[in-house]
Protein backbone atom coordinates (compact mmCIF):
# COMPACT_ATOMS: atom_id res chain seq x y z
CA MET A 1 145.75 -77.45 -49.61
CA SER A 2 143.99 -77.71 -46.25
CA GLY A 3 144.97 -80.16 -43.55
CA THR A 4 141.68 -81.99 -44.04
CA ARG A 5 142.31 -82.36 -47.77
CA ILE A 6 145.80 -83.77 -47.15
CA VAL A 7 144.36 -86.41 -44.82
CA GLU A 8 141.70 -87.35 -47.39
CA VAL A 9 144.25 -87.72 -50.19
CA ARG A 10 146.56 -89.82 -48.01
CA ALA A 11 143.67 -92.06 -46.92
CA GLY A 12 142.76 -92.61 -50.56
CA ILE A 13 146.32 -93.51 -51.52
CA LEU A 14 146.63 -96.01 -48.67
CA LYS A 15 143.23 -97.54 -49.45
CA LYS A 16 144.28 -98.15 -53.06
CA ASN A 17 147.60 -99.60 -51.89
CA ASP A 18 145.86 -101.94 -49.44
CA GLU A 19 143.53 -103.21 -52.17
CA LEU A 20 146.46 -103.91 -54.50
CA ALA A 21 148.40 -105.55 -51.66
CA ARG A 22 145.50 -107.93 -50.95
CA GLY A 23 145.57 -109.00 -54.57
CA LEU A 24 149.32 -109.55 -54.43
CA ARG A 25 149.03 -111.56 -51.23
CA GLN A 26 146.44 -113.86 -52.81
CA ARG A 27 148.71 -114.28 -55.81
CA PHE A 28 151.74 -115.10 -53.66
CA GLU A 29 149.79 -117.55 -51.52
CA ALA A 30 148.39 -119.31 -54.58
CA ALA A 31 151.93 -119.72 -55.92
CA GLY A 32 153.32 -120.93 -52.60
CA VAL A 33 156.11 -118.33 -52.49
CA HIS A 34 157.19 -116.85 -49.15
CA VAL A 35 157.52 -113.08 -49.62
CA ILE A 36 159.67 -111.16 -47.14
CA ASN A 37 159.69 -107.35 -46.92
CA VAL A 38 162.98 -106.16 -45.39
CA VAL A 39 162.89 -102.64 -43.93
CA SER A 40 165.49 -100.53 -42.15
CA SER A 41 167.18 -97.15 -42.11
CA PRO A 42 170.02 -96.61 -44.63
CA GLY A 43 173.28 -98.38 -43.82
CA THR A 44 171.83 -100.96 -41.45
CA GLY A 45 173.00 -103.90 -43.54
CA LYS A 46 169.94 -105.00 -45.54
CA THR A 47 171.93 -105.83 -48.65
CA ALA A 48 174.68 -107.65 -46.73
CA LEU A 49 172.06 -109.72 -44.90
CA LEU A 50 170.19 -110.58 -48.10
CA GLU A 51 173.39 -111.38 -49.98
CA ARG A 52 174.41 -113.99 -47.40
CA THR A 53 170.84 -115.24 -46.94
CA MET A 54 170.27 -115.78 -50.64
CA ARG A 55 173.60 -117.57 -51.08
CA GLU A 56 172.81 -119.96 -48.23
CA LEU A 57 169.27 -120.63 -49.45
CA ILE A 58 170.47 -121.31 -52.99
CA ALA A 59 173.18 -123.61 -51.65
CA GLY A 60 170.38 -125.55 -49.96
CA ALA A 61 168.51 -125.85 -53.29
CA SER A 62 165.89 -123.20 -52.55
CA ARG A 63 164.59 -121.11 -55.44
CA VAL A 64 165.09 -117.44 -54.66
CA ALA A 65 164.55 -114.04 -56.27
CA ALA A 66 164.62 -110.43 -55.08
CA LEU A 67 163.21 -106.99 -55.79
CA VAL A 68 165.42 -104.11 -54.66
CA GLY A 69 164.11 -100.63 -53.97
CA ASP A 70 166.31 -97.52 -54.10
CA LEU A 71 165.80 -93.93 -55.11
CA GLU A 72 168.52 -94.28 -57.77
CA THR A 73 171.28 -96.69 -58.96
CA ASP A 74 171.21 -100.48 -59.24
CA ASN A 75 174.24 -101.03 -56.98
CA ASP A 76 172.45 -103.26 -54.47
CA ALA A 77 170.66 -105.27 -57.14
CA ARG A 78 173.98 -106.06 -58.82
CA ARG A 79 175.39 -107.21 -55.46
CA LEU A 80 172.48 -109.55 -54.85
CA ALA A 81 172.61 -110.92 -58.38
CA ARG A 82 176.06 -112.31 -57.61
CA SER A 83 174.25 -114.98 -55.56
CA GLY A 84 172.93 -116.47 -58.79
CA ALA A 85 169.34 -115.42 -58.12
CA GLU A 86 167.25 -113.32 -60.47
CA VAL A 87 167.11 -109.77 -59.11
CA ARG A 88 165.17 -106.76 -60.35
CA GLN A 89 165.82 -103.15 -59.44
CA ILE A 90 162.99 -100.73 -58.65
CA ASN A 91 164.07 -97.08 -58.73
CA THR A 92 161.55 -94.84 -57.01
CA HIS A 93 163.08 -91.54 -58.22
CA GLY A 94 162.45 -89.66 -55.01
CA ARG A 95 159.80 -91.74 -53.26
CA CYS A 96 160.94 -92.88 -49.85
CA HIS A 97 159.21 -96.29 -49.96
CA LEU A 98 157.97 -99.07 -52.20
CA GLU A 99 154.27 -99.45 -52.95
CA ALA A 100 152.15 -102.45 -53.91
CA GLU A 101 151.63 -101.10 -57.44
CA MET A 102 155.41 -101.00 -57.99
CA ILE A 103 155.74 -104.61 -56.84
CA GLY A 104 153.00 -105.75 -59.20
CA ASP A 105 154.57 -103.93 -62.14
CA PHE A 106 157.93 -105.63 -61.62
CA LEU A 107 156.55 -109.17 -61.35
CA ASP A 108 155.77 -109.40 -65.05
CA GLY A 109 157.42 -112.43 -66.64
CA TRP A 110 158.13 -114.25 -63.38
CA ASP A 111 156.52 -117.62 -62.74
CA LEU A 112 156.01 -117.23 -59.00
CA SER A 113 155.22 -120.92 -58.62
CA GLN A 114 158.88 -121.59 -59.48
CA LEU A 115 160.07 -119.61 -56.44
CA ASP A 116 160.33 -120.60 -52.80
CA TYR A 117 161.32 -117.14 -51.55
CA LEU A 118 160.92 -113.61 -52.89
CA PHE A 119 162.77 -110.93 -50.94
CA ILE A 120 161.80 -107.29 -51.19
CA GLU A 121 164.56 -104.94 -50.07
CA ASN A 122 162.66 -101.76 -49.27
CA VAL A 123 164.02 -98.23 -49.58
CA GLY A 124 166.14 -97.25 -46.56
CA ASN A 125 163.62 -95.47 -44.34
CA LEU A 126 161.93 -96.23 -41.01
CA VAL A 127 158.92 -93.96 -41.51
CA CYS A 128 157.03 -94.27 -44.83
CA PRO A 129 157.42 -98.05 -45.41
CA SER A 130 155.46 -98.75 -42.22
CA SER A 131 152.24 -97.58 -43.91
CA TYR A 132 152.57 -99.53 -47.16
CA ASP A 133 151.59 -103.19 -47.28
CA LEU A 134 153.36 -104.94 -50.16
CA GLY A 135 151.47 -108.21 -49.92
CA GLU A 136 154.30 -109.80 -47.97
CA ALA A 137 153.91 -112.76 -45.62
CA THR A 138 156.68 -111.54 -43.32
CA ARG A 139 157.88 -108.02 -42.55
CA VAL A 140 161.38 -107.85 -41.09
CA VAL A 141 162.82 -104.70 -39.51
CA LEU A 142 166.56 -104.29 -39.01
CA LEU A 143 168.33 -102.37 -36.24
CA SER A 144 172.11 -102.13 -36.38
CA VAL A 145 174.43 -101.84 -33.37
CA THR A 146 175.71 -98.56 -34.83
CA GLU A 147 172.30 -96.86 -34.56
CA GLY A 148 171.68 -96.85 -30.83
CA GLU A 149 169.52 -98.92 -28.55
CA ASP A 150 166.55 -96.51 -28.49
CA LYS A 151 165.78 -96.54 -32.21
CA PRO A 152 162.61 -98.66 -31.73
CA LEU A 153 161.29 -96.08 -29.26
CA LYS A 154 161.93 -93.28 -31.75
CA TYR A 155 160.31 -95.12 -34.66
CA PRO A 156 157.68 -97.32 -32.99
CA THR A 157 155.31 -97.72 -35.95
CA ILE A 158 157.68 -99.74 -38.14
CA PHE A 159 158.70 -101.97 -35.25
CA ASN A 160 155.08 -102.45 -34.21
CA SER A 161 154.11 -103.46 -37.75
CA ALA A 162 156.97 -105.95 -38.21
CA ASP A 163 156.93 -109.69 -37.54
CA VAL A 164 160.64 -110.12 -36.82
CA ALA A 165 163.39 -107.77 -35.63
CA ILE A 166 167.03 -108.45 -36.53
CA ILE A 167 169.85 -106.68 -34.71
CA THR A 168 172.59 -106.49 -37.33
CA LYS A 169 176.38 -106.00 -37.28
CA MET A 170 176.78 -107.85 -33.99
CA ASP A 171 180.48 -108.27 -34.81
CA LEU A 172 180.78 -104.52 -34.10
CA ALA A 173 178.79 -104.56 -30.86
CA GLU A 174 181.75 -104.34 -28.51
CA ALA A 175 183.46 -101.60 -30.50
CA CYS A 176 180.21 -99.58 -30.49
CA ASP A 177 179.65 -100.19 -26.76
CA PHE A 178 176.26 -101.59 -27.77
CA ASP A 179 173.89 -102.63 -24.99
CA ALA A 180 172.01 -105.60 -26.44
CA ALA A 181 169.74 -105.96 -23.42
CA ALA A 182 168.68 -102.31 -23.68
CA ALA A 183 167.99 -102.67 -27.41
CA GLN A 184 165.86 -105.76 -26.86
CA ALA A 185 163.99 -103.98 -24.06
CA SER A 186 163.24 -101.10 -26.45
CA ILE A 187 161.85 -103.52 -29.03
CA GLU A 188 159.82 -105.35 -26.38
CA ALA A 189 158.36 -102.05 -25.17
CA VAL A 190 157.00 -101.39 -28.66
CA ARG A 191 156.11 -104.93 -29.76
CA PRO A 192 155.99 -107.38 -26.84
CA GLY A 193 156.84 -110.95 -27.80
CA MET A 194 158.24 -110.20 -31.24
CA ARG A 195 161.03 -112.55 -32.37
CA ILE A 196 164.41 -110.80 -32.03
CA ILE A 197 167.52 -112.21 -33.72
CA PRO A 198 171.00 -110.77 -32.99
CA LEU A 199 172.96 -111.41 -36.18
CA SER A 200 176.19 -110.75 -38.01
CA SER A 201 176.20 -111.16 -41.78
CA LYS A 202 180.00 -111.12 -41.62
CA THR A 203 180.60 -113.88 -39.06
CA GLY A 204 177.35 -115.83 -39.51
CA VAL A 205 176.21 -115.45 -35.90
CA GLY A 206 172.42 -115.69 -35.84
CA MET A 207 172.08 -116.94 -39.42
CA HIS A 208 170.76 -120.34 -38.37
CA ALA A 209 167.94 -118.75 -36.36
CA TRP A 210 167.12 -116.43 -39.26
CA LEU A 211 166.99 -119.27 -41.78
CA GLU A 212 164.72 -121.20 -39.44
CA VAL A 213 162.32 -118.24 -39.40
CA LEU A 214 162.29 -118.22 -43.19
CA ALA A 215 161.69 -121.96 -43.40
CA SER A 216 158.81 -121.78 -40.93
CA GLY A 217 157.05 -119.23 -43.13
CA ARG A 218 157.11 -121.33 -46.31
CA ARG A 219 153.68 -122.09 -47.73
CA THR A 220 152.37 -124.83 -49.95
CA PRO A 221 150.67 -123.59 -53.12
CA THR A 222 146.93 -123.08 -52.92
CA PRO A 223 145.30 -125.75 -55.11
CA ALA A 224 143.49 -124.38 -58.13
CA PRO A 225 139.70 -124.84 -57.95
CA ALA A 226 138.43 -127.95 -59.72
CA PRO A 227 136.77 -127.21 -63.07
CA ALA A 228 133.01 -127.28 -63.08
CA PRO A 229 131.57 -130.53 -64.47
CA ALA A 230 130.41 -130.35 -68.06
CA PRO A 231 126.63 -130.23 -68.48
CA ALA A 232 125.06 -133.59 -69.19
């Protein structure tokens, strides 16, 4: 297959995904559910963050659900289900990202109007997920203190396409000799002005700021159009 053909096929795949994502976004907005796509490399702490986040939201009477993407196993979905929320596992069987079509397939049977928040835990990868819109309102990228301060410079596309950056595992920052100022400078170099939240899912540092971000993104349902008047 020629290089030109590869580009054409990829462009077609992304075009189809974007069309499906637009439909999902309209559906989410009509239901008034805030959809958050959480992206990071493996081991950054996505599941730990979502587990604590969902517990705190549910304790505050929010209605929450999650879709969890992994190549195999339902380990993370079972962890998140302990929060009391409904959680569905999406196994990609080798694909390194979630796609809008997968999201649509796994929404069957859910009344989205009965949810305040829907979290999508993407497959652990900083490359492919950057190209795939899932219809989310907010894209969150995680960087852990164990990964190094220059990760945003190495993977600029995902940081540039995100709305919020969370620096996770701050309770380990001193042990890892982590330079928070350097990490924030790397993020700023890629996406100036993006909201950056240093956070520890273990100690709770930064959770209040993160929950405020979630609350600020909540939407009211889009009113259904009024029925046309009956002919006289």
